[in-house]
Amino acid sequence: MSNDDYGFGPGSGYGGGQSANVTFGGQNQGTAQAGMASPQGSPAPVKDITTAEFMTEVVQASAETPVLVDFWAPWCGPCKQLAPALEAAVAATRGKVKLVKMNIDEHPEVAGQMGVQSIPAVFAFVNGKPVDGFMGAKAEGEIREFIARIAGNNDEPSQIDLMLEKAAEMAEAGHAAEASQIYGQILSVEPQNLKARAGIGRIYLEQGNMEGVKGVLAGLDENQMQDAEISGLQTAMELAEQAEALGDTSGLEQAVEAAPQDHDKRLELAVALNAANRREEAADHLLEIIRRQPGWNEDAARVQLLQFFEAWGMTDEATVTARRKLSSMLFS
């Protein structure tokens, strides 16, 4: 896949009677500590870049070394909280990872293209492509784990990491009860583990257990709610509730076929298709609205598409495909 595919080119409670026996309580994550020094007193390898420099400093540079892009703004308190720990953690890799920063007030184009809706937002680029990321301030340990993963750290994974991986595999294979049990075991030890919370929340969502999803989200603080997986779960729940009121897709499909110019019906159809897990079709209908009438209804189609991206996750295949199509449409 070429760099232009991403628009960065020069032109551009468990259901079914079973339970994991988990009580969801709010525990605050640790916060990044300011003033951390780089190893041996050397400055962290950080550079402020412009939109014009993005191609060379990020897309091309990431073919040699993974590049983190920190989207921030001077008025953003969590950005100031995150920066020292992020810079120190990158410096500790001794050149295995590069960090650049983009002030979204001065250079909003790339952040808008990436679908950044809140800051701080950090994206990791490898071989010219965004491969991972997070939003919001993070604890030092979480930052180190994230950067170690991007840097290709070969240390043995922890038992919790192995359990999370196994639970995700079980959930993807349709073994929800087994996945729920593993997530429950993790949460009994680490009630603040956001990956486990999001994982069991997704299972609740697939079962239509909205109260279970709300229980997962209950008690989380503002920083925790900005976690990409948690915010994605919340958005997915909101979309499911919205789709429930729309009913079956067949009537909407017929309405759109009869009146292709009816953008309201087409947007409703996209929401309903997403709820039916027909993601690419849902995205294509929103892209069709954007193609037919850019900016319609205060850019409602693009806003809805960005909600889909948040709910699906930035590395989901449907997100990557739709983002490529959107970038091609906006920056061609």
C-alpha atoms as a PDB file:
ATOM      1  CA  MET A   1       0.000   0.000   0.000  1.00  0.00           C
ATOM      2  CA  SER A   2       1.426   3.374  -0.953  1.00  0.00           C
ATOM      3  CA  ASN A   3       1.699   6.439   1.256  1.00  0.00           C
ATOM      4  CA  ASP A   4      -0.870   8.138  -0.955  1.00  0.00           C
ATOM      5  CA  ASP A   5      -3.404   5.501   0.102  1.00  0.00           C
ATOM      6  CA  TYR A   6      -3.514   7.269   3.448  1.00  0.00           C
ATOM      7  CA  GLY A   7      -3.787  10.728   1.937  1.00  0.00           C
ATOM      8  CA  PHE A   8      -0.323  11.816   3.055  1.00  0.00           C
ATOM      9  CA  GLY A   9       1.102  12.298  -0.437  1.00  0.00           C
ATOM     10  CA  PRO A  10       2.296  15.562  -1.867  1.00  0.00           C
ATOM     11  CA  GLY A  11      -1.291  16.348  -2.923  1.00  0.00           C
ATOM     12  CA  SER A  12      -2.686  15.988   0.167  1.00  0.00           C
ATOM     13  CA  GLY A  13     -23.196  -8.598  33.455  1.00  0.00           C
ATOM     14  CA  TYR A  14     -22.602 -11.211  30.711  1.00  0.00           C
ATOM     15  CA  GLY A  15     -25.804 -12.421  29.027  1.00  0.00           C
ATOM     16  CA  GLY A  16     -27.055 -15.983  28.815  1.00  0.00           C
ATOM     17  CA  GLY A  17     -27.121 -16.638  32.538  1.00  0.00           C
ATOM     18  CA  GLN A  18     -23.345 -16.597  33.056  1.00  0.00           C
ATOM     19  CA  SER A  19     -21.341 -14.032  34.934  1.00  0.00           C
ATOM     20  CA  ALA A  20     -17.713 -13.087  35.346  1.00  0.00           C
ATOM     21  CA  ASN A  21     -18.510 -11.962  38.924  1.00  0.00           C
ATOM     22  CA  VAL A  22     -16.855  -8.604  38.469  1.00  0.00           C
ATOM     23  CA  THR A  23     -17.811  -5.417  40.257  1.00  0.00           C
ATOM     24  CA  PHE A  24     -16.816  -2.368  38.289  1.00  0.00           C
ATOM     25  CA  GLY A  25     -15.531   0.383  40.535  1.00  0.00           C
ATOM     26  CA  GLY A  26     -13.764   3.592  39.643  1.00  0.00           C
ATOM     27  CA  GLN A  27     -10.057   3.661  40.368  1.00  0.00           C
ATOM     28  CA  ASN A  28      -7.981   6.531  39.123  1.00  0.00           C
ATOM     29  CA  GLN A  29      -5.080   5.791  36.849  1.00  0.00           C
ATOM     30  CA  GLY A  30      -1.703   7.135  37.786  1.00  0.00           C
ATOM     31  CA  THR A  31      -0.736  10.309  36.002  1.00  0.00           C
ATOM     32  CA  ALA A  32       2.435  11.088  34.170  1.00  0.00           C
ATOM     33  CA  GLN A  33       4.981  12.960  36.252  1.00  0.00           C
ATOM     34  CA  ALA A  34       6.378  16.185  34.899  1.00  0.00           C
ATOM     35  CA  GLY A  35      10.023  17.017  34.786  1.00  0.00           C
ATOM     36  CA  MET A  36      11.428  13.566  33.976  1.00  0.00           C
ATOM     37  CA  ALA A  37      14.937  13.829  32.591  1.00  0.00           C
ATOM     38  CA  SER A  38      16.167  11.999  29.533  1.00  0.00           C
ATOM     39  CA  PRO A  39      18.813   9.262  30.002  1.00  0.00           C
ATOM     40  CA  GLN A  40      22.264  10.624  30.816  1.00  0.00           C
ATOM     41  CA  GLY A  41      20.829  14.156  30.726  1.00  0.00           C
ATOM     42  CA  SER A  42      20.487  14.147  26.938  1.00  0.00           C
ATOM     43  CA  PRO A  43      17.478  15.896  25.418  1.00  0.00           C
ATOM     44  CA  ALA A  44      14.605  13.749  24.173  1.00  0.00           C
ATOM     45  CA  PRO A  45      14.629  13.394  20.352  1.00  0.00           C
ATOM     46  CA  VAL A  46      11.660  15.687  19.792  1.00  0.00           C
ATOM     47  CA  LYS A  47      10.903  18.026  16.900  1.00  0.00           C
ATOM     48  CA  ASP A  48       7.988  20.385  16.302  1.00  0.00           C
ATOM     49  CA  ILE A  49       6.859  19.963  12.701  1.00  0.00           C
ATOM     50  CA  THR A  50       4.547  21.673  10.243  1.00  0.00           C
ATOM     51  CA  THR A  51       2.061  20.214   7.789  1.00  0.00           C
ATOM     52  CA  ALA A  52       4.597  20.728   5.007  1.00  0.00           C
ATOM     53  CA  GLU A  53       7.162  18.632   6.903  1.00  0.00           C
ATOM     54  CA  PHE A  54       4.798  15.750   7.686  1.00  0.00           C
ATOM     55  CA  MET A  55       5.678  13.758   4.571  1.00  0.00           C
ATOM     56  CA  THR A  56       9.430  13.784   5.181  1.00  0.00           C
ATOM     57  CA  GLU A  57       9.517  13.800   8.997  1.00  0.00           C
ATOM     58  CA  VAL A  58       6.822  11.156   9.535  1.00  0.00           C
ATOM     59  CA  VAL A  59       5.774   9.165   6.464  1.00  0.00           C
ATOM     60  CA  GLN A  60       9.201   8.825   4.884  1.00  0.00           C
ATOM     61  CA  ALA A  61      11.160   8.784   8.157  1.00  0.00           C
ATOM     62  CA  SER A  62       9.022   5.954   9.567  1.00  0.00           C
ATOM     63  CA  ALA A  63      10.400   3.646   6.869  1.00  0.00           C
ATOM     64  CA  GLU A  64      13.679   3.780   8.825  1.00  0.00           C
ATOM     65  CA  THR A  65      12.521   4.281  12.428  1.00  0.00           C
ATOM     66  CA  PRO A  66       9.064   4.205  14.059  1.00  0.00           C
ATOM     67  CA  VAL A  67       7.763   7.769  14.476  1.00  0.00           C
ATOM     68  CA  LEU A  68       5.316   8.944  17.124  1.00  0.00           C
ATOM     69  CA  VAL A  69       3.227  12.022  16.311  1.00  0.00           C
ATOM     70  CA  ASP A  70       1.974  13.914  19.364  1.00  0.00           C
ATOM     71  CA  PHE A  71      -0.979  16.173  18.448  1.00  0.00           C
ATOM     72  CA  TRP A  72      -1.259  18.906  21.088  1.00  0.00           C
ATOM     73  CA  ALA A  73      -2.192  22.540  21.731  1.00  0.00           C
ATOM     74  CA  PRO A  74      -0.823  25.153  24.154  1.00  0.00           C
ATOM     75  CA  TRP A  75      -4.169  25.433  26.019  1.00  0.00           C
ATOM     76  CA  CYS A  76      -4.424  21.661  26.606  1.00  0.00           C
ATOM     77  CA  GLY A  77      -3.687  20.716  30.223  1.00  0.00           C
ATOM     78  CA  PRO A  78      -3.490  16.919  29.654  1.00  0.00           C
ATOM     79  CA  CYS A  79      -1.048  17.607  26.790  1.00  0.00           C
ATOM     80  CA  LYS A  80       1.315  19.317  29.208  1.00  0.00           C
ATOM     81  CA  GLN A  81       0.832  16.426  31.634  1.00  0.00           C
ATOM     82  CA  LEU A  82       1.669  13.815  29.009  1.00  0.00           C
ATOM     83  CA  ALA A  83       4.611  15.497  27.280  1.00  0.00           C
ATOM     84  CA  PRO A  84       7.450  15.036  29.841  1.00  0.00           C
ATOM     85  CA  ALA A  85       6.768  11.326  30.386  1.00  0.00           C
ATOM     86  CA  LEU A  86       6.304  10.690  26.673  1.00  0.00           C
ATOM     87  CA  GLU A  87       9.527  12.483  25.777  1.00  0.00           C
ATOM     88  CA  ALA A  88      11.503  10.681  28.501  1.00  0.00           C
ATOM     89  CA  ALA A  89      10.151   7.282  27.453  1.00  0.00           C
ATOM     90  CA  VAL A  90      11.099   7.933  23.819  1.00  0.00           C
ATOM     91  CA  ALA A  91      14.575   9.111  24.866  1.00  0.00           C
ATOM     92  CA  ALA A  92      15.008   5.887  26.833  1.00  0.00           C
ATOM     93  CA  THR A  93      14.755   3.877  23.603  1.00  0.00           C
ATOM     94  CA  ARG A  94      18.093   5.450  22.540  1.00  0.00           C
ATOM     95  CA  GLY A  95      17.026   6.130  18.984  1.00  0.00           C
ATOM     96  CA  LYS A  96      14.717   3.157  18.406  1.00  0.00           C
ATOM     97  CA  VAL A  97      11.708   5.523  18.258  1.00  0.00           C
ATOM     98  CA  LYS A  98      11.426   9.115  17.056  1.00  0.00           C
ATOM     99  CA  LEU A  99       8.956  11.681  18.435  1.00  0.00           C
ATOM    100  CA  VAL A 100       7.536  14.707  16.622  1.00  0.00           C
ATOM    101  CA  LYS A 101       4.892  17.151  17.815  1.00  0.00           C
ATOM    102  CA  MET A 102       2.189  18.996  15.870  1.00  0.00           C
ATOM    103  CA  ASN A 103       0.426  22.024  17.315  1.00  0.00           C
ATOM    104  CA  ILE A 104      -3.126  21.554  15.998  1.00  0.00           C
ATOM    105  CA  ASP A 105      -3.937  25.245  16.439  1.00  0.00           C
ATOM    106  CA  GLU A 106      -1.195  26.166  13.974  1.00  0.00           C
ATOM    107  CA  HIS A 107      -1.307  23.028  11.815  1.00  0.00           C
ATOM    108  CA  PRO A 108      -4.795  21.448  11.939  1.00  0.00           C
ATOM    109  CA  GLU A 109      -4.817  19.710   8.531  1.00  0.00           C
ATOM    110  CA  VAL A 110      -3.178  16.387   9.408  1.00  0.00           C
ATOM    111  CA  ALA A 111      -5.063  16.044  12.699  1.00  0.00           C
ATOM    112  CA  GLY A 112      -8.330  16.593  10.844  1.00  0.00           C
ATOM    113  CA  GLN A 113      -7.390  14.033   8.239  1.00  0.00           C
ATOM    114  CA  MET A 114      -6.507  11.498  10.945  1.00  0.00           C
ATOM    115  CA  GLY A 115      -9.889  12.008  12.581  1.00  0.00           C
ATOM    116  CA  VAL A 116      -8.438  13.458  15.795  1.00  0.00           C
ATOM    117  CA  GLN A 117     -11.371  14.678  17.893  1.00  0.00           C
ATOM    118  CA  SER A 118      -9.644  15.197  21.248  1.00  0.00           C
ATOM    119  CA  ILE A 119      -6.100  15.826  22.445  1.00  0.00           C
ATOM    120  CA  PRO A 120      -3.561  14.784  23.407  1.00  0.00           C
ATOM    121  CA  ALA A 121      -3.606  12.179  20.655  1.00  0.00           C
ATOM    122  CA  VAL A 122      -0.541  10.103  19.824  1.00  0.00           C
ATOM    123  CA  PHE A 123      -0.200   8.075  16.612  1.00  0.00           C
ATOM    124  CA  ALA A 124       2.600   5.633  15.831  1.00  0.00           C
ATOM    125  CA  PHE A 125       3.754   5.411  12.205  1.00  0.00           C
ATOM    126  CA  VAL A 126       5.724   2.465  10.842  1.00  0.00           C
ATOM    127  CA  ASN A 127       6.658   2.154   7.157  1.00  0.00           C
ATOM    128  CA  GLY A 128       4.549   5.183   6.299  1.00  0.00           C
ATOM    129  CA  LYS A 129       1.357   3.923   7.922  1.00  0.00           C
ATOM    130  CA  PRO A 130      -0.412   4.615  11.249  1.00  0.00           C
ATOM    131  CA  VAL A 131      -0.273   1.334  13.191  1.00  0.00           C
ATOM    132  CA  ASP A 132      -1.270   2.206  16.758  1.00  0.00           C
ATOM    133  CA  GLY A 133      -2.074   5.111  19.034  1.00  0.00           C
ATOM    134  CA  PHE A 134      -3.879   6.466  22.070  1.00  0.00           C
ATOM    135  CA  MET A 135      -5.721   9.560  23.294  1.00  0.00           C
ATOM    136  CA  GLY A 136      -5.536  11.289  26.650  1.00  0.00           C
ATOM    137  CA  ALA A 137      -2.870  11.434  29.347  1.00  0.00           C
ATOM    138  CA  LYS A 138      -1.477   8.055  30.376  1.00  0.00           C
ATOM    139  CA  ALA A 139       0.338   6.606  33.353  1.00  0.00           C
ATOM    140  CA  GLU A 140       4.106   6.254  32.955  1.00  0.00           C
ATOM    141  CA  GLY A 141       3.876   2.474  32.842  1.00  0.00           C
ATOM    142  CA  GLU A 142       1.310   2.549  30.052  1.00  0.00           C
ATOM    143  CA  ILE A 143       3.459   4.958  28.037  1.00  0.00           C
ATOM    144  CA  ARG A 144       6.523   2.736  28.427  1.00  0.00           C
ATOM    145  CA  GLU A 145       4.546  -0.352  27.392  1.00  0.00           C
ATOM    146  CA  PHE A 146       3.174   1.431  24.338  1.00  0.00           C
ATOM    147  CA  ILE A 147       6.586   2.659  23.209  1.00  0.00           C
ATOM    148  CA  ALA A 148       8.234  -0.711  23.899  1.00  0.00           C
ATOM    149  CA  ARG A 149       5.618  -2.331  21.668  1.00  0.00           C
ATOM    150  CA  ILE A 150       6.283   0.171  18.887  1.00  0.00           C
ATOM    151  CA  ALA A 151      10.048  -0.183  19.290  1.00  0.00           C
ATOM    152  CA  GLY A 152       9.788  -3.947  18.883  1.00  0.00           C
ATOM    153  CA  ASN A 153      10.777  -4.804  22.429  1.00  0.00           C
ATOM    154  CA  ASN A 154      11.358  -8.564  22.631  1.00  0.00           C
ATOM    155  CA  ASP A 155      10.938  -8.900  26.389  1.00  0.00           C
ATOM    156  CA  GLU A 156       8.651 -11.674  27.578  1.00  0.00           C
ATOM    157  CA  PRO A 157       5.014 -10.458  27.870  1.00  0.00           C
ATOM    158  CA  SER A 158       3.456 -10.363  31.315  1.00  0.00           C
ATOM    159  CA  GLN A 159       0.857 -12.878  32.450  1.00  0.00           C
ATOM    160  CA  ILE A 160      -1.815 -10.186  32.171  1.00  0.00           C
ATOM    161  CA  ASP A 161      -0.739  -9.452  28.591  1.00  0.00           C
ATOM    162  CA  LEU A 162      -1.003 -13.134  27.718  1.00  0.00           C
ATOM    163  CA  MET A 163      -4.449 -13.330  29.303  1.00  0.00           C
ATOM    164  CA  LEU A 164      -5.626 -10.246  27.396  1.00  0.00           C
ATOM    165  CA  GLU A 165      -4.375 -11.735  24.141  1.00  0.00           C
ATOM    166  CA  LYS A 166      -6.115 -15.052  24.868  1.00  0.00           C
ATOM    167  CA  ALA A 167      -9.381 -13.321  25.807  1.00  0.00           C
ATOM    168  CA  ALA A 168      -9.340 -11.280  22.600  1.00  0.00           C
ATOM    169  CA  GLU A 169      -8.752 -14.442  20.556  1.00  0.00           C
ATOM    170  CA  MET A 170     -11.638 -16.221  22.297  1.00  0.00           C
ATOM    171  CA  ALA A 171     -13.979 -13.267  21.762  1.00  0.00           C
ATOM    172  CA  GLU A 172     -13.059 -13.008  18.080  1.00  0.00           C
ATOM    173  CA  ALA A 173     -13.703 -16.751  17.666  1.00  0.00           C
ATOM    174  CA  GLY A 174     -17.186 -16.331  19.141  1.00  0.00           C
ATOM    175  CA  HIS A 175     -16.434 -17.937  22.513  1.00  0.00           C
ATOM    176  CA  ALA A 176     -17.898 -15.087  24.546  1.00  0.00           C
ATOM    177  CA  ALA A 177     -18.334 -17.010  27.803  1.00  0.00           C
ATOM    178  CA  GLU A 178     -14.697 -18.092  27.903  1.00  0.00           C
ATOM    179  CA  ALA A 179     -13.488 -14.604  26.981  1.00  0.00           C
ATOM    180  CA  SER A 180     -15.706 -13.087  29.660  1.00  0.00           C
ATOM    181  CA  GLN A 181     -14.259 -15.416  32.264  1.00  0.00           C
ATOM    182  CA  ILE A 182     -10.682 -14.426  31.398  1.00  0.00           C
ATOM    183  CA  TYR A 183     -11.519 -10.720  31.427  1.00  0.00           C
ATOM    184  CA  GLY A 184     -13.201 -11.243  34.793  1.00  0.00           C
ATOM    185  CA  GLN A 185     -10.078 -12.878  36.189  1.00  0.00           C
ATOM    186  CA  ILE A 186      -7.967  -9.925  35.032  1.00  0.00           C
ATOM    187  CA  LEU A 187     -10.364  -7.389  36.520  1.00  0.00           C
ATOM    188  CA  SER A 188     -10.458  -9.208  39.849  1.00  0.00           C
ATOM    189  CA  VAL A 189      -6.719  -8.491  40.088  1.00  0.00           C
ATOM    190  CA  GLU A 190      -6.578  -5.168  38.205  1.00  0.00           C
ATOM    191  CA  PRO A 191      -9.999  -3.466  38.337  1.00  0.00           C
ATOM    192  CA  GLN A 192      -8.501  -0.449  36.519  1.00  0.00           C
ATOM    193  CA  ASN A 193      -7.259  -2.494  33.532  1.00  0.00           C
ATOM    194  CA  LEU A 194      -8.842  -0.580  30.658  1.00  0.00           C
ATOM    195  CA  LYS A 195      -8.164  -3.217  28.011  1.00  0.00           C
ATOM    196  CA  ALA A 196     -10.047  -5.813  30.048  1.00  0.00           C
ATOM    197  CA  ARG A 197     -12.882  -3.396  30.767  1.00  0.00           C
ATOM    198  CA  ALA A 198     -13.208  -2.536  27.085  1.00  0.00           C
ATOM    199  CA  GLY A 199     -13.006  -6.197  26.129  1.00  0.00           C
ATOM    200  CA  ILE A 200     -15.795  -7.351  28.404  1.00  0.00           C
ATOM    201  CA  GLY A 201     -17.759  -4.231  27.463  1.00  0.00           C
ATOM    202  CA  ARG A 202     -17.626  -5.260  23.801  1.00  0.00           C
ATOM    203  CA  ILE A 203     -19.017  -8.658  24.744  1.00  0.00           C
ATOM    204  CA  TYR A 204     -21.851  -7.024  26.662  1.00  0.00           C
ATOM    205  CA  LEU A 205     -22.526  -4.802  23.656  1.00  0.00           C
ATOM    206  CA  GLU A 206     -22.717  -7.747  21.252  1.00  0.00           C
ATOM    207  CA  GLN A 207     -25.176  -9.410  23.636  1.00  0.00           C
ATOM    208  CA  GLY A 208     -27.336  -6.273  23.715  1.00  0.00           C
ATOM    209  CA  ASN A 209     -26.584  -5.858  27.426  1.00  0.00           C
ATOM    210  CA  MET A 210     -26.476  -2.064  27.593  1.00  0.00           C
ATOM    211  CA  GLU A 211     -26.588  -2.056  31.397  1.00  0.00           C
ATOM    212  CA  GLY A 212     -23.461  -4.196  31.392  1.00  0.00           C
ATOM    213  CA  VAL A 213     -21.708  -1.694  29.128  1.00  0.00           C
ATOM    214  CA  LYS A 214     -22.766   1.170  31.362  1.00  0.00           C
ATOM    215  CA  GLY A 215     -21.399  -0.772  34.335  1.00  0.00           C
ATOM    216  CA  VAL A 216     -18.027  -1.046  32.598  1.00  0.00           C
ATOM    217  CA  LEU A 217     -17.945   2.716  32.021  1.00  0.00           C
ATOM    218  CA  ALA A 218     -19.291   3.689  35.452  1.00  0.00           C
ATOM    219  CA  GLY A 219     -16.819   5.323  37.783  1.00  0.00           C
ATOM    220  CA  LEU A 220     -14.083   5.960  35.228  1.00  0.00           C
ATOM    221  CA  ASP A 221     -12.436   9.355  35.486  1.00  0.00           C
ATOM    222  CA  GLU A 222     -11.991  11.851  32.658  1.00  0.00           C
ATOM    223  CA  ASN A 223      -8.537  10.608  31.642  1.00  0.00           C
ATOM    224  CA  GLN A 224      -9.672   6.984  31.607  1.00  0.00           C
ATOM    225  CA  MET A 225     -12.669   7.877  29.456  1.00  0.00           C
ATOM    226  CA  GLN A 226     -10.264   9.325  26.881  1.00  0.00           C
ATOM    227  CA  ASP A 227      -8.538   5.962  26.462  1.00  0.00           C
ATOM    228  CA  ALA A 228      -9.015   4.935  22.827  1.00  0.00           C
ATOM    229  CA  GLU A 229     -10.593   1.556  23.617  1.00  0.00           C
ATOM    230  CA  ILE A 230     -12.872   2.955  26.321  1.00  0.00           C
ATOM    231  CA  SER A 231     -13.996   5.966  24.267  1.00  0.00           C
ATOM    232  CA  GLY A 232     -14.520   3.614  21.335  1.00  0.00           C
ATOM    233  CA  LEU A 233     -16.725   1.395  23.483  1.00  0.00           C
ATOM    234  CA  GLN A 234     -18.792   4.369  24.620  1.00  0.00           C
ATOM    235  CA  THR A 235     -19.236   5.552  21.034  1.00  0.00           C
ATOM    236  CA  ALA A 236     -20.182   2.040  19.901  1.00  0.00           C
ATOM    237  CA  MET A 237     -22.820   1.885  22.656  1.00  0.00           C
ATOM    238  CA  GLU A 238     -24.259   5.250  21.610  1.00  0.00           C
ATOM    239  CA  LEU A 239     -24.384   4.120  17.982  1.00  0.00           C
ATOM    240  CA  ALA A 240     -26.136   0.889  18.969  1.00  0.00           C
ATOM    241  CA  GLU A 241     -28.743   2.820  20.931  1.00  0.00           C
ATOM    242  CA  GLN A 242     -29.225   5.156  17.976  1.00  0.00           C
ATOM    243  CA  ALA A 243     -29.602   2.222  15.557  1.00  0.00           C
ATOM    244  CA  GLU A 244     -32.127   0.479  17.796  1.00  0.00           C
ATOM    245  CA  ALA A 245     -34.578   3.305  17.181  1.00  0.00           C
ATOM    246  CA  LEU A 246     -34.152   2.960  13.397  1.00  0.00           C
ATOM    247  CA  GLY A 247     -35.195  -0.674  13.171  1.00  0.00           C
ATOM    248  CA  ASP A 248     -34.386  -3.069  10.305  1.00  0.00           C
ATOM    249  CA  THR A 249     -32.166  -1.990   7.396  1.00  0.00           C
ATOM    250  CA  SER A 250     -34.424  -3.281   4.610  1.00  0.00           C
ATOM    251  CA  GLY A 251     -36.911  -0.402   4.735  1.00  0.00           C
ATOM    252  CA  LEU A 252     -34.110   2.168   4.782  1.00  0.00           C
ATOM    253  CA  GLU A 253     -32.346   0.462   1.884  1.00  0.00           C
ATOM    254  CA  GLN A 254     -35.519   0.628  -0.168  1.00  0.00           C
ATOM    255  CA  ALA A 255     -35.997   4.294   0.722  1.00  0.00           C
ATOM    256  CA  VAL A 256     -32.448   5.200  -0.335  1.00  0.00           C
ATOM    257  CA  GLU A 257     -32.775   3.218  -3.552  1.00  0.00           C
ATOM    258  CA  ALA A 258     -35.989   5.092  -4.370  1.00  0.00           C
ATOM    259  CA  ALA A 259     -34.549   8.501  -3.461  1.00  0.00           C
ATOM    260  CA  PRO A 260     -30.717   8.485  -3.694  1.00  0.00           C
ATOM    261  CA  GLN A 261     -30.603  12.209  -2.977  1.00  0.00           C
ATOM    262  CA  ASP A 262     -32.278  11.778   0.447  1.00  0.00           C
ATOM    263  CA  HIS A 263     -29.198  12.248   2.613  1.00  0.00           C
ATOM    264  CA  ASP A 264     -31.128  11.961   5.879  1.00  0.00           C
ATOM    265  CA  LYS A 265     -32.300   8.453   4.983  1.00  0.00           C
ATOM    266  CA  ARG A 266     -28.857   7.512   3.703  1.00  0.00           C
ATOM    267  CA  LEU A 267     -27.247   8.601   6.980  1.00  0.00           C
ATOM    268  CA  GLU A 268     -29.838   6.624   8.952  1.00  0.00           C
ATOM    269  CA  LEU A 269     -29.108   3.611   6.751  1.00  0.00           C
ATOM    270  CA  ALA A 270     -25.387   3.939   7.484  1.00  0.00           C
ATOM    271  CA  VAL A 271     -26.065   3.867  11.227  1.00  0.00           C
ATOM    272  CA  ALA A 272     -28.322   0.827  10.867  1.00  0.00           C
ATOM    273  CA  LEU A 273     -25.791  -1.000   8.672  1.00  0.00           C
ATOM    274  CA  ASN A 274     -23.075  -0.354  11.234  1.00  0.00           C
ATOM    275  CA  ALA A 275     -25.262  -1.909  13.934  1.00  0.00           C
ATOM    276  CA  ALA A 276     -25.649  -4.945  11.661  1.00  0.00           C
ATOM    277  CA  ASN A 277     -21.817  -5.141  11.470  1.00  0.00           C
ATOM    278  CA  ARG A 278     -21.849  -4.200   7.777  1.00  0.00           C
ATOM    279  CA  ARG A 279     -19.115  -1.661   8.342  1.00  0.00           C
ATOM    280  CA  GLU A 280     -17.767  -1.075   4.855  1.00  0.00           C
ATOM    281  CA  GLU A 281     -21.274  -0.584   3.456  1.00  0.00           C
ATOM    282  CA  ALA A 282     -22.061   1.851   6.271  1.00  0.00           C
ATOM    283  CA  ALA A 283     -18.927   3.871   5.559  1.00  0.00           C
ATOM    284  CA  ASP A 284     -19.562   3.857   1.806  1.00  0.00           C
ATOM    285  CA  HIS A 285     -23.011   5.421   2.278  1.00  0.00           C
ATOM    286  CA  LEU A 286     -21.522   8.248   4.334  1.00  0.00           C
ATOM    287  CA  LEU A 287     -18.777   8.737   1.760  1.00  0.00           C
ATOM    288  CA  GLU A 288     -21.470   8.905  -0.918  1.00  0.00           C
ATOM    289  CA  ILE A 289     -23.134  11.771   0.945  1.00  0.00           C
ATOM    290  CA  ILE A 290     -19.795  13.588   1.155  1.00  0.00           C
ATOM    291  CA  ARG A 291     -19.207  12.997  -2.563  1.00  0.00           C
ATOM    292  CA  ARG A 292     -22.671  14.202  -3.551  1.00  0.00           C
ATOM    293  CA  GLN A 293     -22.848  17.239  -1.248  1.00  0.00           C
ATOM    294  CA  PRO A 294     -19.701  18.142   0.718  1.00  0.00           C
ATOM    295  CA  GLY A 295     -20.525  19.907   3.998  1.00  0.00           C
ATOM    296  CA  TRP A 296     -24.167  18.789   3.981  1.00  0.00           C
ATOM    297  CA  ASN A 297     -25.984  19.503   7.241  1.00  0.00           C
ATOM    298  CA  GLU A 298     -22.922  21.006   8.933  1.00  0.00           C
ATOM    299  CA  ASP A 299     -20.722  18.124   7.748  1.00  0.00           C
ATOM    300  CA  ALA A 300     -22.979  15.536   9.427  1.00  0.00           C
ATOM    301  CA  ALA A 301     -21.802  12.647   7.248  1.00  0.00           C
ATOM    302  CA  ARG A 302     -18.126  13.244   8.029  1.00  0.00           C
ATOM    303  CA  VAL A 303     -18.861  13.638  11.740  1.00  0.00           C
ATOM    304  CA  GLN A 304     -20.778  10.348  11.700  1.00  0.00           C
ATOM    305  CA  LEU A 305     -17.912   8.661   9.851  1.00  0.00           C
ATOM    306  CA  LEU A 306     -15.424   9.835  12.485  1.00  0.00           C
ATOM    307  CA  GLN A 307     -17.710   8.349  15.147  1.00  0.00           C
ATOM    308  CA  PHE A 308     -17.541   5.048  13.292  1.00  0.00           C
ATOM    309  CA  PHE A 309     -13.733   5.255  13.250  1.00  0.00           C
ATOM    310  CA  GLU A 310     -13.671   5.823  17.007  1.00  0.00           C
ATOM    311  CA  ALA A 311     -16.038   2.914  17.641  1.00  0.00           C
ATOM    312  CA  TRP A 312     -14.190   0.529  15.313  1.00  0.00           C
ATOM    313  CA  GLY A 313     -10.654   1.487  16.334  1.00  0.00           C
ATOM    314  CA  MET A 314      -7.998   3.262  14.306  1.00  0.00           C
ATOM    315  CA  THR A 315      -6.362   0.031  13.035  1.00  0.00           C
ATOM    316  CA  ASP A 316      -9.598  -1.767  12.114  1.00  0.00           C
ATOM    317  CA  GLU A 317      -9.646  -2.779   8.445  1.00  0.00           C
ATOM    318  CA  ALA A 318     -12.904  -0.920   7.815  1.00  0.00           C
ATOM    319  CA  THR A 319     -11.453   2.241   9.396  1.00  0.00           C
ATOM    320  CA  VAL A 320      -8.273   2.068   7.329  1.00  0.00           C
ATOM    321  CA  THR A 321     -10.216   1.497   4.099  1.00  0.00           C
ATOM    322  CA  ALA A 322     -12.739   4.271   4.733  1.00  0.00           C
ATOM    323  CA  ARG A 323     -10.075   6.723   5.892  1.00  0.00           C
ATOM    324  CA  ARG A 324      -8.115   6.078   2.698  1.00  0.00           C
ATOM    325  CA  LYS A 325     -11.237   6.738   0.598  1.00  0.00           C
ATOM    326  CA  LEU A 326     -12.046   9.892   2.566  1.00  0.00           C
ATOM    327  CA  SER A 327      -8.501  11.211   2.244  1.00  0.00           C
ATOM    328  CA  SER A 328      -8.525  10.553  -1.484  1.00  0.00           C
ATOM    329  CA  MET A 329     -11.821  12.392  -1.783  1.00  0.00           C
ATOM    330  CA  LEU A 330     -10.791  15.407   0.307  1.00  0.00           C
ATOM    331  CA  PHE A 331      -7.210  15.840  -0.871  1.00  0.00           C
ATOM    332  CA  SER A 332      -7.289  14.687  -4.489  1.00  0.00           C
END
